[in-house]
Every structure is written in C-alpha cells, then in structure tokens.
Amino acid sequence: MDRPLYALAEFFSKPPGFYVMLAAALVCALLTSATLGTYIISISALCLTGVVLIQNYRDTAAMQAKLNEIIVALDTARNEVVGLEHASPKAIDAELKNVENRASTAPAHETTQPDA
C-alpha cells in the first residue's frame, strides 16, 4: 500500500517530477475559472514546494553518500546497511531496532579526556 506513495514522493522530489507538477498546475489553471491572483498564488506555492523537495532530496542523497563512505571505511561497521535508504519503511524500522538493540547490549567504551 505504501509503495506507490513512496514512489510518487521520490518522483516528485526530483526535477522531472517538479516539472510534471508545474505543468499540471498550469493546465488546471487554464481549465478552471478563478481569478488570476488565485492562480498565481497556487502556482507559486507549488513551485516553492517543488524547490524545497528537490533541495531536500539533494541534501539527503549527499548525506547518504557520505555516511556510506564512512561505513565502508570502518573495519567494524556492517556493510549491509549501505543502501538501506532504498529499502521499504518496514525494513528500515527493523534495522533501526536491530542497531538500537546492539547498541544497548554493547559494552560501554571508556572515554578519555585530553590532558589539560
């Protein structure tokens, strides 16, 4: 049930999806009867939403690439979590619980304070 919604969200968070959304808004504006001001406000809101979605996608993708690089570089890290962002929400939740369980049962590391 969630899969189509996540696919749509991913599509609309990228530039082609934004252009489709903008074209749909323009078509709707031409086919309905309302004042020009309403059209301008609605289309502006859609454009702003699209810009925010695109920027959020880029930021998230860059962060995932950086985290994946750290995971691969660490000898003790599990490489299975690389690419987890492409999994289903249930798989992500299951992995999150797995990591939390491992963290709660792991021995505490001593922290050393630098000499002052």
PDB file of N, CA and C in Angstrom:
ATOM      1  N   MET A   1       0.823  -1.197   0.000  1.00  0.00           N
ATOM      2  CA  MET A   1       0.000   0.000   0.000  1.00  0.00           C
ATOM      3  C   MET A   1       0.868   1.263   0.000  1.00  0.00           C
ATOM      4  N   ASP A   2       1.945   1.252   0.775  1.00  0.00           N
ATOM      5  CA  ASP A   2       2.797   2.435   0.870  1.00  0.00           C
ATOM      6  C   ASP A   2       3.711   2.606  -0.336  1.00  0.00           C
ATOM      7  N   ARG A   3       4.011   1.511  -0.999  1.00  0.00           N
ATOM      8  CA  ARG A   3       4.997   1.549  -2.079  1.00  0.00           C
ATOM      9  C   ARG A   3       4.669   2.582  -3.164  1.00  0.00           C
ATOM     10  N   PRO A   4       3.413   2.662  -3.657  1.00  0.00           N
ATOM     11  CA  PRO A   4       3.123   3.683  -4.678  1.00  0.00           C
ATOM     12  C   PRO A   4       3.313   5.109  -4.153  1.00  0.00           C
ATOM     13  N   LEU A   5       2.971   5.333  -2.893  1.00  0.00           N
ATOM     14  CA  LEU A   5       3.137   6.676  -2.332  1.00  0.00           C
ATOM     15  C   LEU A   5       4.609   7.055  -2.229  1.00  0.00           C
ATOM     16  N   TYR A   6       5.439   6.108  -1.819  1.00  0.00           N
ATOM     17  CA  TYR A   6       6.870   6.396  -1.732  1.00  0.00           C
ATOM     18  C   TYR A   6       7.469   6.608  -3.123  1.00  0.00           C
ATOM     19  N   ALA A   7       6.981   5.849  -4.097  1.00  0.00           N
ATOM     20  CA  ALA A   7       7.466   6.033  -5.468  1.00  0.00           C
ATOM     21  C   ALA A   7       7.072   7.414  -5.990  1.00  0.00           C
ATOM     22  N   LEU A   8       5.837   7.831  -5.717  1.00  0.00           N
ATOM     23  CA  LEU A   8       5.404   9.169  -6.129  1.00  0.00           C
ATOM     24  C   LEU A   8       6.203  10.255  -5.416  1.00  0.00           C
ATOM     25  N   ALA A   9       6.424  10.076  -4.132  1.00  0.00           N
ATOM     26  CA  ALA A   9       7.185  11.073  -3.374  1.00  0.00           C
ATOM     27  C   ALA A   9       8.602  11.193  -3.921  1.00  0.00           C
ATOM     28  N   GLU A  10       9.206  10.061  -4.250  1.00  0.00           N
ATOM     29  CA  GLU A  10      10.564  10.111  -4.803  1.00  0.00           C
ATOM     30  C   GLU A  10      10.561  10.768  -6.179  1.00  0.00           C
ATOM     31  N   PHE A  11       9.547  10.450  -6.992  1.00  0.00           N
ATOM     32  CA  PHE A  11       9.464  11.056  -8.321  1.00  0.00           C
ATOM     33  C   PHE A  11       9.291  12.569  -8.225  1.00  0.00           C
ATOM     34  N   PHE A  12       8.394  13.020  -7.360  1.00  0.00           N
ATOM     35  CA  PHE A  12       8.126  14.450  -7.258  1.00  0.00           C
ATOM     36  C   PHE A  12       9.225  15.213  -6.533  1.00  0.00           C
ATOM     37  N   SER A  13      10.141  14.512  -5.889  1.00  0.00           N
ATOM     38  CA  SER A  13      11.240  15.206  -5.215  1.00  0.00           C
ATOM     39  C   SER A  13      12.420  15.457  -6.146  1.00  0.00           C
ATOM     40  N   LYS A  14      12.310  15.013  -7.391  1.00  0.00           N
ATOM     41  CA  LYS A  14      13.376  15.219  -8.380  1.00  0.00           C
ATOM     42  C   LYS A  14      12.886  16.200  -9.441  1.00  0.00           C
ATOM     43  N   PRO A  15      13.803  16.824 -10.167  1.00  0.00           N
ATOM     44  CA  PRO A  15      13.397  17.846 -11.144  1.00  0.00           C
ATOM     45  C   PRO A  15      12.330  17.413 -12.157  1.00  0.00           C
ATOM     46  N   PRO A  16      12.388  16.215 -12.757  1.00  0.00           N
ATOM     47  CA  PRO A  16      11.314  15.868 -13.703  1.00  0.00           C
ATOM     48  C   PRO A  16       9.930  15.842 -13.045  1.00  0.00           C
ATOM     49  N   GLY A  17       9.865  15.361 -11.837  1.00  0.00           N
ATOM     50  CA  GLY A  17       8.595  15.346 -11.115  1.00  0.00           C
ATOM     51  C   GLY A  17       8.095  16.748 -10.833  1.00  0.00           C
ATOM     52  N   PHE A  18       9.020  17.633 -10.522  1.00  0.00           N
ATOM     53  CA  PHE A  18       8.660  19.030 -10.288  1.00  0.00           C
ATOM     54  C   PHE A  18       8.075  19.648 -11.552  1.00  0.00           C
ATOM     55  N   TYR A  19       8.676  19.345 -12.700  1.00  0.00           N
ATOM     56  CA  TYR A  19       8.161  19.893 -13.960  1.00  0.00           C
ATOM     57  C   TYR A  19       6.772  19.340 -14.277  1.00  0.00           C
ATOM     58  N   VAL A  20       6.548  18.081 -13.983  1.00  0.00           N
ATOM     59  CA  VAL A  20       5.222  17.493 -14.194  1.00  0.00           C
ATOM     60  C   VAL A  20       4.199  18.187 -13.299  1.00  0.00           C
ATOM     61  N   MET A  21       4.572  18.415 -12.043  1.00  0.00           N
ATOM     62  CA  MET A  21       3.668  19.078 -11.104  1.00  0.00           C
ATOM     63  C   MET A  21       3.365  20.504 -11.576  1.00  0.00           C
ATOM     64  N   LEU A  22       4.372  21.200 -12.054  1.00  0.00           N
ATOM     65  CA  LEU A  22       4.185  22.562 -12.540  1.00  0.00           C
ATOM     66  C   LEU A  22       3.290  22.580 -13.779  1.00  0.00           C
ATOM     67  N   ALA A  23       3.503  21.648 -14.693  1.00  0.00           N
ATOM     68  CA  ALA A  23       2.664  21.567 -15.894  1.00  0.00           C
ATOM     69  C   ALA A  23       1.215  21.253 -15.522  1.00  0.00           C
ATOM     70  N   ALA A  24       1.023  20.355 -14.567  1.00  0.00           N
ATOM     71  CA  ALA A  24      -0.336  20.019 -14.128  1.00  0.00           C
ATOM     72  C   ALA A  24      -1.014  21.235 -13.503  1.00  0.00           C
ATOM     73  N   ALA A  25      -0.263  22.019 -12.750  1.00  0.00           N
ATOM     74  CA  ALA A  25      -0.833  23.226 -12.143  1.00  0.00           C
ATOM     75  C   ALA A  25      -1.243  24.225 -13.215  1.00  0.00           C
ATOM     76  N   LEU A  26      -0.415  24.374 -14.234  1.00  0.00           N
ATOM     77  CA  LEU A  26      -0.751  25.306 -15.310  1.00  0.00           C
ATOM     78  C   LEU A  26      -1.974  24.840 -16.094  1.00  0.00           C
ATOM     79  N   VAL A  27      -2.069  23.544 -16.353  1.00  0.00           N
ATOM     80  CA  VAL A  27      -3.235  23.003 -17.060  1.00  0.00           C
ATOM     81  C   VAL A  27      -4.497  23.218 -16.235  1.00  0.00           C
ATOM     82  N   CYS A  28      -4.408  22.944 -14.946  1.00  0.00           N
ATOM     83  CA  CYS A  28      -5.569  23.156 -14.070  1.00  0.00           C
ATOM     84  C   CYS A  28      -5.962  24.630 -14.038  1.00  0.00           C
ATOM     85  N   ALA A  29      -4.977  25.497 -14.030  1.00  0.00           N
ATOM     86  CA  ALA A  29      -5.263  26.929 -14.006  1.00  0.00           C
ATOM     87  C   ALA A  29      -5.974  27.367 -15.277  1.00  0.00           C
ATOM     88  N   LEU A  30      -5.613  26.770 -16.397  1.00  0.00           N
ATOM     89  CA  LEU A  30      -6.244  27.140 -17.665  1.00  0.00           C
ATOM     90  C   LEU A  30      -7.649  26.561 -17.809  1.00  0.00           C
ATOM     91  N   LEU A  31      -7.905  25.424 -17.177  1.00  0.00           N
ATOM     92  CA  LEU A  31      -9.191  24.751 -17.337  1.00  0.00           C
ATOM     93  C   LEU A  31     -10.256  25.185 -16.335  1.00  0.00           C
ATOM     94  N   THR A  32      -9.871  25.803 -15.261  1.00  0.00           N
ATOM     95  CA  THR A  32     -10.844  26.200 -14.244  1.00  0.00           C
ATOM     96  C   THR A  32     -11.078  27.702 -14.306  1.00  0.00           C
ATOM     97  N   SER A  33     -12.135  28.133 -13.664  1.00  0.00           N
ATOM     98  CA  SER A  33     -12.425  29.569 -13.671  1.00  0.00           C
ATOM     99  C   SER A  33     -12.218  30.133 -12.267  1.00  0.00           C
ATOM    100  N   ALA A  34     -11.265  30.988 -12.149  1.00  0.00           N
ATOM    101  CA  ALA A  34     -10.984  31.687 -10.895  1.00  0.00           C
ATOM    102  C   ALA A  34     -10.196  32.942 -11.254  1.00  0.00           C
ATOM    103  N   THR A  35      -9.917  33.719 -10.280  1.00  0.00           N
ATOM    104  CA  THR A  35      -9.197  34.955 -10.563  1.00  0.00           C
ATOM    105  C   THR A  35      -7.722  34.666 -10.823  1.00  0.00           C
ATOM    106  N   LEU A  36      -7.083  35.567 -11.503  1.00  0.00           N
ATOM    107  CA  LEU A  36      -5.672  35.411 -11.841  1.00  0.00           C
ATOM    108  C   LEU A  36      -4.806  35.371 -10.583  1.00  0.00           C
ATOM    109  N   GLY A  37      -5.180  36.119  -9.583  1.00  0.00           N
ATOM    110  CA  GLY A  37      -4.420  36.134  -8.332  1.00  0.00           C
ATOM    111  C   GLY A  37      -4.387  34.774  -7.657  1.00  0.00           C
ATOM    112  N   THR A  38      -5.505  34.074  -7.703  1.00  0.00           N
ATOM    113  CA  THR A  38      -5.565  32.736  -7.116  1.00  0.00           C
ATOM    114  C   THR A  38      -4.628  31.793  -7.853  1.00  0.00           C
ATOM    115  N   TYR A  39      -4.594  31.897  -9.169  1.00  0.00           N
ATOM    116  CA  TYR A  39      -3.687  31.063  -9.955  1.00  0.00           C
ATOM    117  C   TYR A  39      -2.235  31.347  -9.594  1.00  0.00           C
ATOM    118  N   ILE A  40      -1.918  32.609  -9.514  1.00  0.00           N
ATOM    119  CA  ILE A  40      -0.532  32.986  -9.231  1.00  0.00           C
ATOM    120  C   ILE A  40      -0.104  32.482  -7.857  1.00  0.00           C
ATOM    121  N   ILE A  41      -0.967  32.633  -6.873  1.00  0.00           N
ATOM    122  CA  ILE A  41      -0.636  32.173  -5.522  1.00  0.00           C
ATOM    123  C   ILE A  41      -0.504  30.653  -5.489  1.00  0.00           C
ATOM    124  N   SER A  42      -1.416  29.961  -6.134  1.00  0.00           N
ATOM    125  CA  SER A  42      -1.374  28.493  -6.134  1.00  0.00           C
ATOM    126  C   SER A  42      -0.128  27.971  -6.838  1.00  0.00           C
ATOM    127  N   ILE A  43       0.165  28.518  -7.992  1.00  0.00           N
ATOM    128  CA  ILE A  43       1.335  28.062  -8.741  1.00  0.00           C
ATOM    129  C   ILE A  43       2.618  28.422  -8.000  1.00  0.00           C
ATOM    130  N   SER A  44       2.642  29.573  -7.374  1.00  0.00           N
ATOM    131  CA  SER A  44       3.823  29.953  -6.586  1.00  0.00           C
ATOM    132  C   SER A  44       4.036  28.994  -5.419  1.00  0.00           C
ATOM    133  N   ALA A  45       2.951  28.613  -4.764  1.00  0.00           N
ATOM    134  CA  ALA A  45       3.061  27.661  -3.653  1.00  0.00           C
ATOM    135  C   ALA A  45       3.571  26.311  -4.145  1.00  0.00           C
ATOM    136  N   LEU A  46       3.078  25.867  -5.289  1.00  0.00           N
ATOM    137  CA  LEU A  46       3.554  24.601  -5.847  1.00  0.00           C
ATOM    138  C   LEU A  46       5.027  24.686  -6.234  1.00  0.00           C
ATOM    139  N   CYS A  47       5.421  25.799  -6.808  1.00  0.00           N
ATOM    140  CA  CYS A  47       6.834  25.973  -7.184  1.00  0.00           C
ATOM    141  C   CYS A  47       7.729  25.951  -5.950  1.00  0.00           C
ATOM    142  N   LEU A  48       7.312  26.647  -4.917  1.00  0.00           N
ATOM    143  CA  LEU A  48       8.100  26.674  -3.687  1.00  0.00           C
ATOM    144  C   LEU A  48       8.194  25.278  -3.077  1.00  0.00           C
ATOM    145  N   THR A  49       7.093  24.559  -3.075  1.00  0.00           N
ATOM    146  CA  THR A  49       7.108  23.186  -2.564  1.00  0.00           C
ATOM    147  C   THR A  49       8.064  22.322  -3.373  1.00  0.00           C
ATOM    148  N   GLY A  50       8.035  22.476  -4.680  1.00  0.00           N
ATOM    149  CA  GLY A  50       8.939  21.708  -5.531  1.00  0.00           C
ATOM    150  C   GLY A  50      10.392  22.020  -5.263  1.00  0.00           C
ATOM    151  N   VAL A  51      10.699  23.281  -5.092  1.00  0.00           N
ATOM    152  CA  VAL A  51      12.084  23.671  -4.808  1.00  0.00           C
ATOM    153  C   VAL A  51      12.553  23.060  -3.489  1.00  0.00           C
ATOM    154  N   VAL A  52      11.696  23.106  -2.479  1.00  0.00           N
ATOM    155  CA  VAL A  52      12.053  22.536  -1.177  1.00  0.00           C
ATOM    156  C   VAL A  52      12.260  21.027  -1.296  1.00  0.00           C
ATOM    157  N   LEU A  53      11.380  20.346  -2.013  1.00  0.00           N
ATOM    158  CA  LEU A  53      11.523  18.898  -2.179  1.00  0.00           C
ATOM    159  C   LEU A  53      12.808  18.539  -2.913  1.00  0.00           C
ATOM    160  N   ILE A  54      13.125  19.277  -3.956  1.00  0.00           N
ATOM    161  CA  ILE A  54      14.339  18.995  -4.723  1.00  0.00           C
ATOM    162  C   ILE A  54      15.575  19.213  -3.858  1.00  0.00           C
ATOM    163  N   GLN A  55      15.596  20.305  -3.120  1.00  0.00           N
ATOM    164  CA  GLN A  55      16.753  20.587  -2.273  1.00  0.00           C
ATOM    165  C   GLN A  55      16.890  19.537  -1.176  1.00  0.00           C
ATOM    166  N   ASN A  56      15.769  19.134  -0.597  1.00  0.00           N
ATOM    167  CA  ASN A  56      15.805  18.108   0.447  1.00  0.00           C
ATOM    168  C   ASN A  56      16.336  16.795  -0.116  1.00  0.00           C
ATOM    169  N   TYR A  57      15.929  16.445  -1.320  1.00  0.00           N
ATOM    170  CA  TYR A  57      16.422  15.217  -1.947  1.00  0.00           C
ATOM    171  C   TYR A  57      17.934  15.286  -2.140  1.00  0.00           C
ATOM    172  N   ARG A  58      18.422  16.405  -2.623  1.00  0.00           N
ATOM    173  CA  ARG A  58      19.863  16.548  -2.864  1.00  0.00           C
ATOM    174  C   ARG A  58      20.644  16.473  -1.561  1.00  0.00           C
ATOM    175  N   ASP A  59      20.152  17.145  -0.522  1.00  0.00           N
ATOM    176  CA  ASP A  59      20.835  17.108   0.769  1.00  0.00           C
ATOM    177  C   ASP A  59      20.864  15.692   1.339  1.00  0.00           C
ATOM    178  N   THR A  60      19.730  15.021   1.268  1.00  0.00           N
ATOM    179  CA  THR A  60      19.646  13.665   1.804  1.00  0.00           C
ATOM    180  C   THR A  60      20.546  12.711   1.027  1.00  0.00           C
ATOM    181  N   ALA A  61      20.560  12.834  -0.288  1.00  0.00           N
ATOM    182  CA  ALA A  61      21.406  11.959  -1.105  1.00  0.00           C
ATOM    183  C   ALA A  61      22.882  12.193  -0.797  1.00  0.00           C
ATOM    184  N   ALA A  62      23.276  13.442  -0.631  1.00  0.00           N
ATOM    185  CA  ALA A  62      24.672  13.741  -0.309  1.00  0.00           C
ATOM    186  C   ALA A  62      25.041  13.187   1.068  1.00  0.00           C
ATOM    187  N   MET A  63      24.144  13.329   2.027  1.00  0.00           N
ATOM    188  CA  MET A  63      24.408  12.814   3.371  1.00  0.00           C
ATOM    189  C   MET A  63      24.530  11.292   3.348  1.00  0.00           C
ATOM    190  N   GLN A  64      23.666  10.628   2.590  1.00  0.00           N
ATOM    191  CA  GLN A  64      23.739   9.174   2.499  1.00  0.00           C
ATOM    192  C   GLN A  64      25.056   8.730   1.875  1.00  0.00           C
ATOM    193  N   ALA A  65      25.506   9.440   0.860  1.00  0.00           N
ATOM    194  CA  ALA A  65      26.779   9.082   0.225  1.00  0.00           C
ATOM    195  C   ALA A  65      27.933   9.219   1.216  1.00  0.00           C
ATOM    196  N   LYS A  66      27.905  10.272   2.006  1.00  0.00           N
ATOM    197  CA  LYS A  66      28.966  10.477   2.999  1.00  0.00           C
ATOM    198  C   LYS A  66      28.923   9.403   4.081  1.00  0.00           C
ATOM    199  N   LEU A  67      27.730   9.101   4.562  1.00  0.00           N
ATOM    200  CA  LEU A  67      27.610   8.063   5.588  1.00  0.00           C
ATOM    201  C   LEU A  67      28.023   6.695   5.045  1.00  0.00           C
ATOM    202  N   ASN A  68      27.645   6.406   3.812  1.00  0.00           N
ATOM    203  CA  ASN A  68      28.052   5.137   3.203  1.00  0.00           C
ATOM    204  C   ASN A  68      29.566   5.046   3.095  1.00  0.00           C
ATOM    205  N   GLU A  69      30.211   6.148   2.767  1.00  0.00           N
ATOM    206  CA  GLU A  69      31.674   6.164   2.689  1.00  0.00           C
ATOM    207  C   GLU A  69      32.290   5.862   4.053  1.00  0.00           C
ATOM    208  N   ILE A  70      31.728   6.424   5.104  1.00  0.00           N
ATOM    209  CA  ILE A  70      32.235   6.168   6.459  1.00  0.00           C
ATOM    210  C   ILE A  70      32.031   4.702   6.829  1.00  0.00           C
ATOM    211  N   ILE A  71      30.860   4.170   6.514  1.00  0.00           N
ATOM    212  CA  ILE A  71      30.574   2.769   6.841  1.00  0.00           C
ATOM    213  C   ILE A  71      31.554   1.844   6.137  1.00  0.00           C
ATOM    214  N   VAL A  72      31.804   2.103   4.869  1.00  0.00           N
ATOM    215  CA  VAL A  72      32.717   1.250   4.106  1.00  0.00           C
ATOM    216  C   VAL A  72      34.148   1.381   4.643  1.00  0.00           C
ATOM    217  N   ALA A  73      34.522   2.570   5.096  1.00  0.00           N
ATOM    218  CA  ALA A  73      35.890   2.796   5.563  1.00  0.00           C
ATOM    219  C   ALA A  73      36.161   2.152   6.921  1.00  0.00           C
ATOM    220  N   LEU A  74      35.150   1.996   7.749  1.00  0.00           N
ATOM    221  CA  LEU A  74      35.351   1.425   9.078  1.00  0.00           C
ATOM    222  C   LEU A  74      35.394  -0.099   9.002  1.00  0.00           C
ATOM    223  N   ASP A  75      36.387  -0.666   9.646  1.00  0.00           N
ATOM    224  CA  ASP A  75      36.529  -2.121   9.620  1.00  0.00           C
ATOM    225  C   ASP A  75      35.427  -2.823  10.401  1.00  0.00           C
ATOM    226  N   THR A  76      34.966  -2.220  11.482  1.00  0.00           N
ATOM    227  CA  THR A  76      33.986  -2.889  12.338  1.00  0.00           C
ATOM    228  C   THR A  76      32.544  -2.622  11.919  1.00  0.00           C
ATOM    229  N   ALA A  77      32.337  -1.745  10.954  1.00  0.00           N
ATOM    230  CA  ALA A  77      30.970  -1.439  10.514  1.00  0.00           C
ATOM    231  C   ALA A  77      30.440  -2.557   9.626  1.00  0.00           C
ATOM    232  N   ARG A  78      29.132  -2.705   9.643  1.00  0.00           N
ATOM    233  CA  ARG A  78      28.484  -3.707   8.795  1.00  0.00           C
ATOM    234  C   ARG A  78      28.124  -3.069   7.460  1.00  0.00           C
ATOM    235  N   ASN A  79      28.654  -3.594   6.386  1.00  0.00           N
ATOM    236  CA  ASN A  79      28.392  -3.034   5.063  1.00  0.00           C
ATOM    237  C   ASN A  79      26.969  -3.304   4.579  1.00  0.00           C
ATOM    238  N   GLU A  80      26.224  -4.144   5.283  1.00  0.00           N
ATOM    239  CA  GLU A  80      24.850  -4.439   4.874  1.00  0.00           C
ATOM    240  C   GLU A  80      23.950  -3.211   4.967  1.00  0.00           C
ATOM    241  N   VAL A  81      24.316  -2.241   5.789  1.00  0.00           N
ATOM    242  CA  VAL A  81      23.457  -1.068   5.945  1.00  0.00           C
ATOM    243  C   VAL A  81      23.667  -0.034   4.844  1.00  0.00           C
ATOM    244  N   VAL A  82      24.693  -0.221   4.032  1.00  0.00           N
ATOM    245  CA  VAL A  82      24.892   0.687   2.899  1.00  0.00           C
ATOM    246  C   VAL A  82      23.735   0.482   1.923  1.00  0.00           C
ATOM    247  N   GLY A  83      23.076   1.542   1.560  1.00  0.00           N
ATOM    248  CA  GLY A  83      21.934   1.462   0.655  1.00  0.00           C
ATOM    249  C   GLY A  83      20.619   1.193   1.355  1.00  0.00           C
ATOM    250  N   LEU A  84      20.617   1.211   2.674  1.00  0.00           N
ATOM    251  CA  LEU A  84      19.391   0.943   3.433  1.00  0.00           C
ATOM    252  C   LEU A  84      18.299   1.958   3.126  1.00  0.00           C
ATOM    253  N   GLU A  85      18.685   3.156   2.694  1.00  0.00           N
ATOM    254  CA  GLU A  85      17.686   4.188   2.403  1.00  0.00           C
ATOM    255  C   GLU A  85      16.769   3.807   1.247  1.00  0.00           C
ATOM    256  N   HIS A  86      17.158   2.795   0.464  1.00  0.00           N
ATOM    257  CA  HIS A  86      16.324   2.345  -0.650  1.00  0.00           C
ATOM    258  C   HIS A  86      15.372   1.224  -0.243  1.00  0.00           C
ATOM    259  N   ALA A  87      15.472   0.760   0.985  1.00  0.00           N
ATOM    260  CA  ALA A  87      14.629  -0.342   1.460  1.00  0.00           C
ATOM    261  C   ALA A  87      13.236   0.174   1.820  1.00  0.00           C
ATOM    262  N   SER A  88      12.353  -0.760   2.092  1.00  0.00           N
ATOM    263  CA  SER A  88      10.994  -0.388   2.489  1.00  0.00           C
ATOM    264  C   SER A  88      11.021   0.204   3.898  1.00  0.00           C
ATOM    265  N   PRO A  89      10.011   0.982   4.251  1.00  0.00           N
ATOM    266  CA  PRO A  89       9.968   1.555   5.602  1.00  0.00           C
ATOM    267  C   PRO A  89      10.010   0.493   6.700  1.00  0.00           C
ATOM    268  N   LYS A  90       9.381  -0.655   6.460  1.00  0.00           N
ATOM    269  CA  LYS A  90       9.407  -1.726   7.463  1.00  0.00           C
ATOM    270  C   LYS A  90      10.823  -2.265   7.642  1.00  0.00           C
ATOM    271  N   ALA A  91      11.547  -2.419   6.546  1.00  0.00           N
ATOM    272  CA  ALA A  91      12.928  -2.913   6.631  1.00  0.00           C
ATOM    273  C   ALA A  91      13.821  -1.900   7.344  1.00  0.00           C
ATOM    274  N   ILE A  92      13.591  -0.631   7.094  1.00  0.00           N
ATOM    275  CA  ILE A  92      14.381   0.406   7.768  1.00  0.00           C
ATOM    276  C   ILE A  92      14.089   0.401   9.263  1.00  0.00           C
ATOM    277  N   ASP A  93      12.808   0.300   9.625  1.00  0.00           N
ATOM    278  CA  ASP A  93      12.449   0.244  11.049  1.00  0.00           C
ATOM    279  C   ASP A  93      13.050  -0.982  11.725  1.00  0.00           C
ATOM    280  N   ALA A  94      13.023  -2.117  11.034  1.00  0.00           N
ATOM    281  CA  ALA A  94      13.594  -3.342  11.602  1.00  0.00           C
ATOM    282  C   ALA A  94      15.098  -3.181  11.819  1.00  0.00           C
ATOM    283  N   GLU A  95      15.786  -2.583  10.860  1.00  0.00           N
ATOM    284  CA  GLU A  95      17.231  -2.379  11.007  1.00  0.00           C
ATOM    285  C   GLU A  95      17.528  -1.380  12.120  1.00  0.00           C
ATOM    286  N   LEU A  96      16.701  -0.353  12.241  1.00  0.00           N
ATOM    287  CA  LEU A  96      16.881   0.623  13.320  1.00  0.00           C
ATOM    288  C   LEU A  96      16.745  -0.051  14.680  1.00  0.00           C
ATOM    289  N   LYS A  97      15.745  -0.902  14.826  1.00  0.00           N
ATOM    290  CA  LYS A  97      15.579  -1.631  16.090  1.00  0.00           C
ATOM    291  C   LYS A  97      16.759  -2.564  16.332  1.00  0.00           C
ATOM    292  N   ASN A  98      17.252  -3.196  15.277  1.00  0.00           N
ATOM    293  CA  ASN A  98      18.411  -4.075  15.391  1.00  0.00           C
ATOM    294  C   ASN A  98      19.631  -3.299  15.884  1.00  0.00           C
ATOM    295  N   VAL A  99      19.863  -2.137  15.306  1.00  0.00           N
ATOM    296  CA  VAL A  99      21.012  -1.317  15.711  1.00  0.00           C
ATOM    297  C   VAL A  99      20.844  -0.839  17.155  1.00  0.00           C
ATOM    298  N   GLU A 100      19.635  -0.435  17.515  1.00  0.00           N
ATOM    299  CA  GLU A 100      19.392   0.014  18.889  1.00  0.00           C
ATOM    300  C   GLU A 100      19.607  -1.121  19.883  1.00  0.00           C
ATOM    301  N   ASN A 101      19.163  -2.328  19.538  1.00  0.00           N
ATOM    302  CA  ASN A 101      19.374  -3.479  20.418  1.00  0.00           C
ATOM    303  C   ASN A 101      20.857  -3.788  20.565  1.00  0.00           C
ATOM    304  N   ARG A 102      21.582  -3.740  19.450  1.00  0.00           N
ATOM    305  CA  ARG A 102      23.026  -3.996  19.510  1.00  0.00           C
ATOM    306  C   ARG A 102      23.730  -2.932  20.343  1.00  0.00           C
ATOM    307  N   ALA A 103      23.284  -1.690  20.219  1.00  0.00           N
ATOM    308  CA  ALA A 103      23.912  -0.605  20.981  1.00  0.00           C
ATOM    309  C   ALA A 103      23.634  -0.743  22.470  1.00  0.00           C
ATOM    310  N   SER A 104      22.442  -1.201  22.822  1.00  0.00           N
ATOM    311  CA  SER A 104      22.108  -1.318  24.243  1.00  0.00           C
ATOM    312  C   SER A 104      22.814  -2.497  24.902  1.00  0.00           C
ATOM    313  N   THR A 105      23.186  -3.511  24.129  1.00  0.00           N
ATOM    314  CA  THR A 105      23.868  -4.666  24.705  1.00  0.00           C
ATOM    315  C   THR A 105      25.384  -4.594  24.549  1.00  0.00           C
ATOM    316  N   ALA A 106      25.870  -3.627  23.801  1.00  0.00           N
ATOM    317  CA  ALA A 106      27.320  -3.498  23.598  1.00  0.00           C
ATOM    318  C   ALA A 106      27.966  -2.951  24.864  1.00  0.00           C
ATOM    319  N   PRO A 107      29.182  -3.374  25.139  1.00  0.00           N
ATOM    320  CA  PRO A 107      29.872  -2.834  26.310  1.00  0.00           C
ATOM    321  C   PRO A 107      30.169  -1.347  26.113  1.00  0.00           C
ATOM    322  N   ALA A 108      30.102  -0.624  27.203  1.00  0.00           N
ATOM    323  CA  ALA A 108      30.362   0.818  27.140  1.00  0.00           C
ATOM    324  C   ALA A 108      31.847   1.050  26.898  1.00  0.00           C
ATOM    325  N   HIS A 109      32.131   2.007  26.044  1.00  0.00           N
ATOM    326  CA  HIS A 109      33.519   2.369  25.767  1.00  0.00           C
ATOM    327  C   HIS A 109      33.938   3.460  26.738  1.00  0.00           C
ATOM    328  N   GLU A 110      35.157   3.333  27.223  1.00  0.00           N
ATOM    329  CA  GLU A 110      35.664   4.371  28.107  1.00  0.00           C
ATOM    330  C   GLU A 110      36.070   5.570  27.271  1.00  0.00           C
ATOM    331  N   THR A 111      35.709   6.725  27.758  1.00  0.00           N
ATOM    332  CA  THR A 111      36.128   7.941  27.077  1.00  0.00           C
ATOM    333  C   THR A 111      37.289   8.537  27.845  1.00  0.00           C
ATOM    334  N   THR A 112      38.254   8.975  27.127  1.00  0.00           N
ATOM    335  CA  THR A 112      39.415   9.585  27.770  1.00  0.00           C
ATOM    336  C   THR A 112      39.373  11.074  27.539  1.00  0.00           C
ATOM    337  N   GLN A 113      39.677  11.793  28.564  1.00  0.00           N
ATOM    338  CA  GLN A 113      39.718  13.242  28.478  1.00  0.00           C
ATOM    339  C   GLN A 113      41.143  13.664  28.146  1.00  0.00           C
ATOM    340  N   PRO A 114      41.304  14.601  27.242  1.00  0.00           N
ATOM    341  CA  PRO A 114      42.655  15.071  26.938  1.00  0.00           C
ATOM    342  C   PRO A 114      43.257  15.775  28.152  1.00  0.00           C
ATOM    343  N   ASP A 115      44.555  15.634  28.277  1.00  0.00           N
ATOM    344  CA  ASP A 115      45.238  16.292  29.394  1.00  0.00           C
ATOM    345  C   ASP A 115      45.159  17.795  29.226  1.00  0.00           C
ATOM    346  N   ALA A 116      44.796  18.451  30.307  1.00  0.00           N
ATOM    347  CA  ALA A 116      44.670  19.911  30.239  1.00  0.00           C
ATOM    348  C   ALA A 116      45.932  20.586  30.685  1.00  0.00           C
TER     349      ALA A 116
END
